Amino acid sequence: MSSKRRNKKDIIARVNFPLYTVQMLTSRHVIVGGGGGTSKTGVQNGFEIFEIFHDGSRFAAKEITRHETGGNVVMNCSVYSNKKHSLLAAGRENHCQLYKVNSKLMEEVVSIGNDTHIRQRNAKVKEVTDDNKNVKKELYFEVKPLDSVQTDFNGSEPLSRVVKINHDGTLLATGGTDCDVRIWKFPSMQPLFILKAHKKEIDDIDFSRYDNYIITVAKDGLAVLWDCLTGMERTKLTWKQPEGSKYLYKRCRFGIIEGLDKKCALYTIVNPTGLAKKQKSYLQQWIPEENLLKKMLEFDESLASLAVRDDGRFVAVGTMFSGSVSIHVAFSLQKISTVVGAHSMFVTGLEFVSAQNTNHSISSVVEAAVLSISVDNQLCIHTVPYRKTIPLWIGIVLLIFTLFLTFLFCAYLGL
């Protein structure tokens, strides 16, 4: 396992507002959101979209689009993308705001002088014929607000704490301070049903890729597994907690069990509360349909954030007090990388760069890459380089040599 302290190279972007949510928009574009809230502090609210690239020696990010949201801070969001456009659902106060995100090419005229290069935007670049000017095309994103629907109905302090779109973009789940989880038809936002099992505000929600599962966790200490198509409760996760302790689930994410076709695993992070605060926190791996806690890994401090890569191979965890980020092999929970003090404050969000190999993917440069954000206004990237393995031909030679030595030894003993 590698362990290191934050490197300045890990910081790929800084914004001028605290960050609370991060999502991959494409295989190389990330959207982050946050803000300073409704108070007149001068801290803005909104989204920023960055393009991530590798310059040959390190990862970097370039700002592509900025969209401000007025007086409403963006605390959470979820993205569904197809070949034509992306749909973004964002929790803003007690509403869920939908956005359509279109990618467009902007043509720029680059005027080339003798000593300097001057870039000018021009809407009529196709008419430019000057030999000293070149036309350059750059991608940007247009963020267009759509419907806004109230999703939390707590009479005193309504707040939408989490929104989540399922993998095929047909359902949306929302949860907040009114303790209910609502399932909506997406993107029409037609209400389907309400999941009622929690007595305190919702902390997290996630859809499984298979089996039509949805998991919900709340401050009442419950983690409930549902059928998202019927709204029926399947089971409540239970585990034997250390004697005299009480734990609360903080985050939940589904993954894929490697080697098994269309089987999902579930990962949760739990923190001690009350008198048990000096006890360990845990990263847990579950087999959800069996209500089976398969593995646990302990941590010395409270955990704040959780992410699972889309192919199910890696899990990442962010901590509360030290602002550290660790990356684990999902199957075994083995820790393979830790960045101590990745952020100066608690890690508010994690998101893996997609493992899918496309023409525009940057994931092939390293074995794994995870993005992290915090209220310190920074977007960081943490990577796992390809681990060294023995070439196949060397392995075959070693095997043959071992068998040969075994044969000689047996012959010597007369066996």
Protein backbone atom coordinates (compact mmCIF):
# COMPACT_ATOMS: atom_id res chain seq x y z
CA MET A 1 0.00 0.00 0.00
CA SER A 2 1.26 3.48 -0.86
CA SER A 3 0.76 6.34 1.57
CA LYS A 4 1.61 9.97 0.94
CA ARG A 5 0.72 13.47 1.94
CA ARG A 6 -1.09 15.85 -0.36
CA ASN A 7 0.96 16.94 -3.30
CA LYS A 8 0.32 20.24 -5.05
CA LYS A 9 0.06 18.23 -8.27
CA ASP A 10 -3.08 16.58 -6.86
CA ILE A 11 -4.90 19.94 -6.98
CA ILE A 12 -6.20 20.35 -10.53
CA ALA A 13 -8.67 23.22 -10.04
CA ARG A 14 -9.73 25.90 -7.57
CA VAL A 15 -13.08 27.68 -7.52
CA ASN A 16 -14.33 30.67 -5.54
CA PHE A 17 -16.99 28.81 -3.55
CA PRO A 18 -17.19 25.77 -1.23
CA LEU A 19 -17.79 22.49 -3.08
CA TYR A 20 -20.44 19.97 -2.02
CA THR A 21 -21.13 17.76 -5.03
CA VAL A 22 -19.13 16.21 -7.87
CA GLN A 23 -20.26 14.12 -10.85
CA MET A 24 -18.64 12.91 -14.07
CA LEU A 25 -20.46 14.48 -17.01
CA THR A 26 -18.57 12.63 -19.75
CA SER A 27 -15.54 10.34 -19.70
CA ARG A 28 -13.31 13.42 -19.43
CA HIS A 29 -15.57 16.21 -18.12
CA VAL A 30 -16.54 16.73 -14.48
CA ILE A 31 -19.19 19.00 -12.98
CA VAL A 32 -18.83 20.40 -9.45
CA GLY A 33 -21.39 22.40 -7.50
CA GLY A 34 -21.69 24.33 -4.27
CA GLY A 35 -21.79 27.86 -2.98
CA GLY A 36 -22.11 30.09 0.03
CA GLY A 37 -25.89 29.90 0.44
CA THR A 38 -28.42 32.69 0.73
CA SER A 39 -26.41 34.83 3.14
CA LYS A 40 -24.92 38.04 1.77
CA THR A 41 -21.31 36.95 2.06
CA GLY A 42 -20.38 37.60 -1.54
CA VAL A 43 -19.74 33.86 -2.07
CA GLN A 44 -21.50 32.75 -5.24
CA ASN A 45 -23.58 29.62 -5.85
CA GLY A 46 -23.53 27.43 -8.91
CA PHE A 47 -21.82 24.83 -11.08
CA GLU A 48 -18.53 24.66 -12.90
CA ILE A 49 -17.64 22.16 -15.63
CA PHE A 50 -13.98 21.22 -16.13
CA GLU A 51 -12.23 19.18 -18.78
CA ILE A 52 -9.67 16.79 -17.30
CA PHE A 53 -6.60 15.93 -19.35
CA HIS A 54 -3.13 14.47 -18.95
CA ASP A 55 -0.26 16.57 -20.28
CA GLY A 56 2.24 13.73 -20.35
CA SER A 57 3.48 14.16 -16.78
CA ARG A 58 0.44 15.04 -14.66
CA PHE A 59 -3.31 15.51 -14.68
CA ALA A 60 -4.74 18.98 -15.09
CA ALA A 61 -8.17 20.59 -15.54
CA LYS A 62 -9.44 23.43 -17.70
CA GLU A 63 -12.61 25.38 -16.93
CA ILE A 64 -15.14 24.94 -19.72
CA THR A 65 -18.45 26.37 -18.43
CA ARG A 66 -19.71 28.20 -15.36
CA HIS A 67 -23.39 28.45 -14.41
CA GLU A 68 -24.51 30.53 -11.42
CA THR A 69 -27.68 29.66 -9.49
CA GLY A 70 -28.48 32.95 -7.76
CA GLY A 71 -29.18 32.70 -4.05
CA ASN A 72 -29.51 28.91 -3.95
CA VAL A 73 -26.54 26.77 -2.98
CA VAL A 74 -26.14 23.46 -4.84
CA MET A 75 -25.77 20.78 -2.16
CA ASN A 76 -26.22 17.64 -4.27
CA CYS A 77 -26.71 16.57 -7.87
CA SER A 78 -27.03 13.56 -10.16
CA VAL A 79 -26.33 13.22 -13.88
CA TYR A 80 -27.75 11.02 -16.64
CA SER A 81 -26.08 11.21 -20.04
CA ASN A 82 -26.93 9.78 -23.45
CA LYS A 83 -25.44 10.36 -26.90
CA LYS A 84 -27.41 13.58 -27.44
CA HIS A 85 -27.21 15.48 -24.15
CA SER A 86 -27.03 15.21 -20.36
CA LEU A 87 -29.77 15.78 -17.81
CA LEU A 88 -28.78 17.15 -14.43
CA ALA A 89 -30.92 16.99 -11.27
CA ALA A 90 -29.78 19.29 -8.47
CA GLY A 91 -31.05 19.70 -4.92
CA ARG A 92 -31.61 23.40 -4.24
CA GLU A 93 -33.22 24.24 -0.89
CA ASN A 94 -36.52 22.26 -0.81
CA HIS A 95 -36.72 21.80 -4.60
CA CYS A 96 -35.14 19.62 -7.25
CA GLN A 97 -34.06 21.69 -10.23
CA LEU A 98 -33.62 19.97 -13.58
CA TYR A 99 -31.12 21.16 -16.18
CA LYS A 100 -30.39 20.16 -19.74
CA VAL A 101 -26.68 20.21 -20.54
CA ASN A 102 -25.80 20.39 -24.24
CA SER A 103 -22.30 20.21 -25.63
CA LYS A 104 -21.44 22.66 -28.39
CA LEU A 105 -18.42 23.61 -30.44
CA MET A 106 -17.35 27.24 -30.24
CA GLU A 107 -15.24 28.49 -33.09
CA GLU A 108 -12.52 31.00 -32.29
CA VAL A 109 -10.34 33.14 -34.48
CA VAL A 110 -6.71 33.02 -33.42
CA SER A 111 -4.85 36.07 -34.74
CA ILE A 112 -1.13 35.43 -35.07
CA GLY A 113 1.23 38.39 -34.88
CA ASN A 114 5.00 38.47 -35.20
CA ASP A 115 5.69 38.17 -31.47
CA THR A 116 2.38 37.39 -29.80
CA HIS A 117 -0.67 35.18 -30.28
CA ILE A 118 -3.97 37.02 -29.79
CA ARG A 119 -7.19 34.99 -29.44
CA GLN A 120 -10.47 36.66 -30.36
CA ARG A 121 -13.99 35.26 -30.32
CA ASN A 122 -15.90 35.91 -33.53
CA ALA A 123 -19.41 34.67 -34.36
CA LYS A 124 -18.66 34.82 -38.11
CA VAL A 125 -15.42 32.92 -38.15
CA LYS A 126 -16.34 31.00 -41.29
CA GLU A 127 -16.08 34.24 -43.23
CA VAL A 128 -12.51 34.90 -42.11
CA THR A 129 -10.02 34.52 -44.94
CA ASP A 130 -7.00 36.40 -43.58
CA ASP A 131 -3.89 34.20 -43.94
CA ASN A 132 -2.67 35.43 -40.54
CA LYS A 133 -5.71 33.98 -38.76
CA ASN A 134 -6.63 30.42 -37.93
CA VAL A 135 -9.98 29.02 -36.79
CA LYS A 136 -9.88 26.89 -33.66
CA LYS A 137 -12.84 24.89 -32.35
CA GLU A 138 -13.33 24.34 -28.62
CA LEU A 139 -15.99 22.39 -26.77
CA TYR A 140 -18.21 24.09 -24.20
CA PHE A 141 -21.45 23.20 -22.43
CA GLU A 142 -24.72 25.10 -22.39
CA VAL A 143 -26.63 24.65 -19.10
CA LYS A 144 -30.34 25.29 -19.57
CA PRO A 145 -32.75 25.25 -16.57
CA LEU A 146 -35.87 23.10 -17.01
CA ASP A 147 -38.54 22.22 -14.43
CA SER A 148 -38.22 22.83 -10.69
CA VAL A 149 -40.25 20.55 -8.40
CA GLN A 150 -40.67 20.70 -4.63
CA THR A 151 -39.34 17.45 -3.19
CA ASP A 152 -39.23 18.07 0.58
CA PHE A 153 -42.20 19.09 2.69
CA ASN A 154 -40.81 19.52 6.19
CA GLY A 155 -42.91 22.34 7.63
CA SER A 156 -40.15 24.08 9.60
CA GLU A 157 -36.93 23.66 7.60
CA PRO A 158 -37.55 21.82 4.31
CA LEU A 159 -34.35 20.78 2.58
CA SER A 160 -33.63 18.35 -0.24
CA ARG A 161 -30.54 16.54 1.02
CA VAL A 162 -29.99 14.01 -1.77
CA VAL A 163 -31.12 13.37 -5.36
CA LYS A 164 -30.25 10.30 -7.42
CA ILE A 165 -31.05 9.23 -11.00
CA ASN A 166 -31.05 5.50 -11.74
CA HIS A 167 -28.71 3.98 -14.34
CA ASP A 168 -31.10 3.96 -17.31
CA GLY A 169 -32.46 7.45 -16.63
CA THR A 170 -36.08 6.42 -15.97
CA LEU A 171 -36.37 7.05 -12.22
CA LEU A 172 -35.30 9.76 -9.78
CA ALA A 173 -35.19 9.40 -6.00
CA THR A 174 -35.15 12.35 -3.60
CA GLY A 175 -34.84 12.56 0.17
CA GLY A 176 -34.59 15.29 2.74
CA THR A 177 -35.50 16.57 6.18
CA ASP A 178 -39.14 15.37 6.03
CA CYS A 179 -37.77 11.79 6.41
CA ASP A 180 -39.52 10.49 3.27
CA VAL A 181 -37.92 9.12 0.12
CA ARG A 182 -39.87 9.98 -3.02
CA ILE A 183 -39.60 8.11 -6.32
CA TRP A 184 -40.34 10.12 -9.46
CA LYS A 185 -40.66 9.20 -13.10
CA PHE A 186 -37.71 10.81 -14.85
CA PRO A 187 -37.43 13.23 -16.53
CA SER A 188 -41.17 14.09 -16.43
CA MET A 189 -41.00 14.35 -12.59
CA GLN A 190 -44.32 12.58 -12.26
CA PRO A 191 -44.59 11.30 -8.64
CA LEU A 192 -44.78 7.49 -8.40
CA PHE A 193 -44.66 6.57 -4.70
CA ILE A 194 -43.25 7.51 -1.29
CA LEU A 195 -40.99 5.19 0.72
CA LYS A 196 -41.79 5.49 4.42
CA ALA A 197 -39.44 3.73 6.84
CA HIS A 198 -37.26 6.44 8.34
CA LYS A 199 -37.94 8.63 11.36
CA LYS A 200 -35.16 11.17 10.78
CA GLU A 201 -33.75 13.05 7.79
CA ILE A 202 -32.32 11.13 4.83
CA ASP A 203 -28.54 11.07 4.42
CA ASP A 204 -28.02 9.08 1.23
CA ILE A 205 -29.70 7.08 -1.56
CA ASP A 206 -28.40 4.84 -4.32
CA PHE A 207 -29.84 2.68 -7.11
CA SER A 208 -28.35 -0.69 -8.05
CA ARG A 209 -27.43 -1.39 -11.66
CA TYR A 210 -29.24 -4.75 -11.45
CA ASP A 211 -32.09 -6.32 -9.42
CA ASN A 212 -34.11 -3.05 -9.17
CA TYR A 213 -32.74 -2.28 -5.70
CA ILE A 214 -32.63 1.10 -4.02
CA ILE A 215 -30.88 1.64 -0.69
CA THR A 216 -31.71 4.50 1.71
CA VAL A 217 -29.86 5.54 4.87
CA ALA A 218 -30.89 8.15 7.43
CA LYS A 219 -29.94 9.69 10.77
CA ASP A 220 -32.22 7.22 12.57
CA GLY A 221 -29.51 4.59 12.09
CA LEU A 222 -31.45 2.53 9.53
CA ALA A 223 -30.32 1.30 6.13
CA VAL A 224 -33.32 0.02 4.18
CA LEU A 225 -33.29 -1.97 0.93
CA TRP A 226 -36.32 -1.48 -1.36
CA ASP A 227 -37.67 -2.62 -4.70
CA CYS A 228 -37.60 0.65 -6.67
CA LEU A 229 -40.25 -0.52 -9.17
CA THR A 230 -42.90 -1.42 -6.57
CA GLY A 231 -41.89 0.68 -3.56
CA MET A 232 -41.94 -2.45 -1.38
CA GLU A 233 -39.41 -2.84 1.43
CA ARG A 234 -37.07 -5.81 0.95
CA THR A 235 -35.01 -5.77 4.16
CA LYS A 236 -33.25 -3.63 6.75
CA LEU A 237 -29.50 -4.11 6.98
CA THR A 238 -28.46 -5.50 10.36
CA TRP A 239 -25.05 -6.23 11.84
CA LYS A 240 -23.61 -7.00 15.25
CA GLN A 241 -22.27 -3.70 16.52
CA PRO A 242 -19.53 -3.55 19.16
CA GLU A 243 -20.94 -3.88 22.65
CA GLY A 244 -22.18 -0.62 24.15
CA SER A 245 -21.93 1.29 20.89
CA LYS A 246 -24.28 2.93 18.42
CA TYR A 247 -23.44 3.49 14.78
CA LEU A 248 -25.05 5.57 12.04
CA TYR A 249 -24.80 4.85 8.33
CA LYS A 250 -23.33 7.86 6.53
CA ARG A 251 -23.10 6.89 2.84
CA CYS A 252 -24.17 3.96 0.64
CA ARG A 253 -23.11 2.89 -2.87
CA PHE A 254 -23.87 -0.14 -5.01
CA GLY A 255 -21.15 -1.88 -6.99
CA ILE A 256 -20.76 -4.95 -9.16
CA ILE A 257 -19.38 -8.27 -7.92
CA GLU A 258 -16.40 -9.05 -10.13
CA GLY A 259 -16.65 -12.38 -11.93
CA LEU A 260 -20.38 -12.78 -11.35
CA ASP A 261 -22.77 -11.75 -14.10
CA LYS A 262 -25.29 -9.11 -13.08
CA LYS A 263 -24.75 -9.43 -9.32
CA CYS A 264 -24.51 -6.35 -7.16
CA ALA A 265 -22.52 -5.66 -4.03
CA LEU A 266 -23.34 -2.87 -1.59
CA TYR A 267 -20.85 -0.66 0.24
CA THR A 268 -21.62 1.50 3.28
CA ILE A 269 -19.64 3.66 5.67
CA VAL A 270 -20.71 3.84 9.31
CA ASN A 271 -19.58 6.15 12.12
CA PRO A 272 -19.90 5.78 15.90
CA THR A 273 -22.15 8.24 17.70
CA GLY A 274 -22.86 9.33 21.27
CA LEU A 275 -20.73 7.54 23.88
CA ALA A 276 -19.13 5.43 21.18
CA LYS A 277 -17.35 8.27 19.42
CA LYS A 278 -13.92 6.96 20.43
CA GLN A 279 -14.58 3.67 18.66
CA LYS A 280 -13.63 2.79 15.10
CA SER A 281 -15.51 3.74 11.93
CA TYR A 282 -16.02 1.13 9.22
CA LEU A 283 -16.16 0.59 5.49
CA GLN A 284 -18.56 -2.32 4.96
CA GLN A 285 -19.23 -4.68 2.06
CA TRP A 286 -22.65 -6.35 1.85
CA ILE A 287 -24.41 -9.00 -0.22
CA PRO A 288 -27.73 -7.10 -0.19
CA GLU A 289 -30.20 -9.78 -1.22
CA GLU A 290 -28.93 -11.99 1.64
CA ASN A 291 -28.63 -9.16 4.19
CA LEU A 292 -25.10 -10.45 4.65
CA LEU A 293 -22.26 -8.29 5.92
CA LYS A 294 -19.35 -9.93 4.11
CA LYS A 295 -16.35 -7.74 5.01
CA MET A 296 -15.45 -4.73 7.18
CA LEU A 297 -12.43 -2.45 7.29
CA GLU A 298 -11.86 -0.19 10.29
CA PHE A 299 -10.73 3.44 10.36
CA ASP A 300 -9.46 5.55 13.25
CA GLU A 301 -11.62 8.57 12.40
CA SER A 302 -15.12 9.33 11.15
CA LEU A 303 -15.80 8.87 7.45
CA ALA A 304 -17.49 11.47 5.25
CA SER A 305 -17.73 10.27 1.64
CA LEU A 306 -17.78 7.15 -0.51
CA ALA A 307 -17.46 6.24 -4.20
CA VAL A 308 -17.41 3.02 -6.24
CA ARG A 309 -15.97 2.83 -9.76
CA ASP A 310 -18.43 1.95 -12.53
CA ASP A 311 -16.80 -1.44 -13.19
CA GLY A 312 -16.93 -2.37 -9.50
CA ARG A 313 -13.16 -2.87 -9.10
CA PHE A 314 -12.30 0.00 -6.74
CA VAL A 315 -13.82 1.82 -3.77
CA ALA A 316 -12.73 5.21 -2.40
CA VAL A 317 -13.34 6.69 1.05
CA GLY A 318 -12.93 10.28 2.30
CA THR A 319 -12.48 11.15 5.97
CA MET A 320 -14.06 13.78 8.19
CA PHE A 321 -11.28 15.36 10.24
CA SER A 322 -7.98 14.85 8.42
CA GLY A 323 -9.45 15.36 4.92
CA SER A 324 -7.73 12.19 3.72
CA VAL A 325 -8.66 9.97 0.76
CA SER A 326 -8.01 6.22 0.48
CA ILE A 327 -8.51 3.86 -2.48
CA HIS A 328 -9.32 0.17 -1.98
CA VAL A 329 -9.71 -3.00 -4.01
CA ALA A 330 -13.48 -3.48 -3.89
CA PHE A 331 -13.43 -7.29 -3.69
CA SER A 332 -11.18 -7.53 -0.63
CA LEU A 333 -11.36 -3.94 0.74
CA GLN A 334 -7.54 -3.99 0.68
CA LYS A 335 -6.18 -0.46 0.92
CA ILE A 336 -3.83 0.25 -1.98
CA SER A 337 -3.38 4.02 -1.71
CA THR A 338 -3.83 6.74 0.91
CA VAL A 339 -3.43 10.49 0.55
CA VAL A 340 -3.18 12.01 4.03
CA GLY A 341 -4.58 15.53 4.23
CA ALA A 342 -5.79 15.57 0.64
CA HIS A 343 -7.97 18.50 1.74
CA SER A 344 -7.67 20.94 4.62
CA MET A 345 -11.23 20.11 5.71
CA PHE A 346 -13.61 17.14 5.46
CA VAL A 347 -14.07 15.50 2.07
CA THR A 348 -17.55 16.42 0.80
CA GLY A 349 -17.55 14.29 -2.35
CA LEU A 350 -15.71 11.61 -4.33
CA GLU A 351 -16.14 10.44 -7.92
CA PHE A 352 -14.09 7.95 -9.93
CA VAL A 353 -13.00 8.77 -13.44
CA SER A 354 -14.79 6.24 -15.64
CA ALA A 355 -13.01 2.98 -16.44
CA GLN A 356 -14.73 2.67 -19.80
CA ASN A 357 -12.28 2.68 -22.69
CA THR A 358 -13.52 5.23 -25.20
CA ASN A 359 -11.75 7.41 -27.73
CA HIS A 360 -11.89 10.32 -25.29
CA SER A 361 -11.14 8.45 -22.06
CA ILE A 362 -8.19 9.42 -19.88
CA SER A 363 -8.47 6.40 -17.58
CA SER A 364 -5.88 4.35 -19.48
CA VAL A 365 -3.01 6.50 -18.15
CA VAL A 366 -3.36 5.00 -14.65
CA GLU A 367 -5.04 1.97 -13.12
CA ALA A 368 -7.51 4.13 -11.17
CA ALA A 369 -8.22 7.83 -10.66
CA VAL A 370 -10.65 9.39 -8.18
CA LEU A 371 -11.68 13.04 -7.90
CA SER A 372 -12.25 14.64 -4.50
CA ILE A 373 -13.80 17.93 -3.38
CA SER A 374 -14.18 19.83 -0.13
CA VAL A 375 -15.34 23.12 1.32
CA ASP A 376 -11.74 24.27 0.85
CA ASN A 377 -12.80 25.14 -2.75
CA GLN A 378 -10.40 22.65 -4.35
CA LEU A 379 -10.88 19.87 -6.89
CA CYS A 380 -8.18 17.20 -6.54
CA ILE A 381 -7.33 13.98 -8.34
CA HIS A 382 -5.72 10.92 -6.73
CA THR A 383 -4.35 8.10 -8.86
CA VAL A 384 -3.18 4.53 -8.58
CA PRO A 385 -0.39 3.73 -11.07
CA TYR A 386 -0.43 0.38 -12.76
CA ARG A 387 0.93 -2.16 -10.32
CA LYS A 388 3.90 -4.17 -11.52
CA THR A 389 3.18 -7.74 -12.58
CA ILE A 390 5.38 -10.57 -13.85
CA PRO A 391 5.16 -10.95 -17.67
CA LEU A 392 3.35 -14.10 -18.76
CA TRP A 393 6.41 -15.66 -20.42
CA ILE A 394 8.45 -15.25 -17.24
CA GLY A 395 5.67 -16.90 -15.24
CA ILE A 396 5.63 -19.88 -17.64
CA VAL A 397 9.43 -20.24 -17.45
CA LEU A 398 9.33 -20.14 -13.64
CA LEU A 399 6.57 -22.76 -13.58
CA ILE A 400 8.51 -25.12 -15.90
CA PHE A 401 11.70 -24.59 -13.86
CA THR A 402 9.85 -25.37 -10.62
CA LEU A 403 8.37 -28.55 -12.09
CA PHE A 404 11.82 -29.59 -13.33
CA LEU A 405 13.38 -29.09 -9.88
CA THR A 406 10.52 -31.04 -8.31
CA PHE A 407 11.10 -33.91 -10.74
CA LEU A 408 14.86 -33.97 -9.94
CA PHE A 409 14.16 -33.91 -6.22
CA CYS A 410 11.69 -36.78 -6.47
CA ALA A 411 14.17 -38.77 -8.62
CA TYR A 412 16.89 -38.17 -6.04
CA LEU A 413 14.64 -39.57 -3.31
CA GLY A 414 13.69 -42.51 -5.52
CA LEU A 415 10.01 -41.57 -5.52
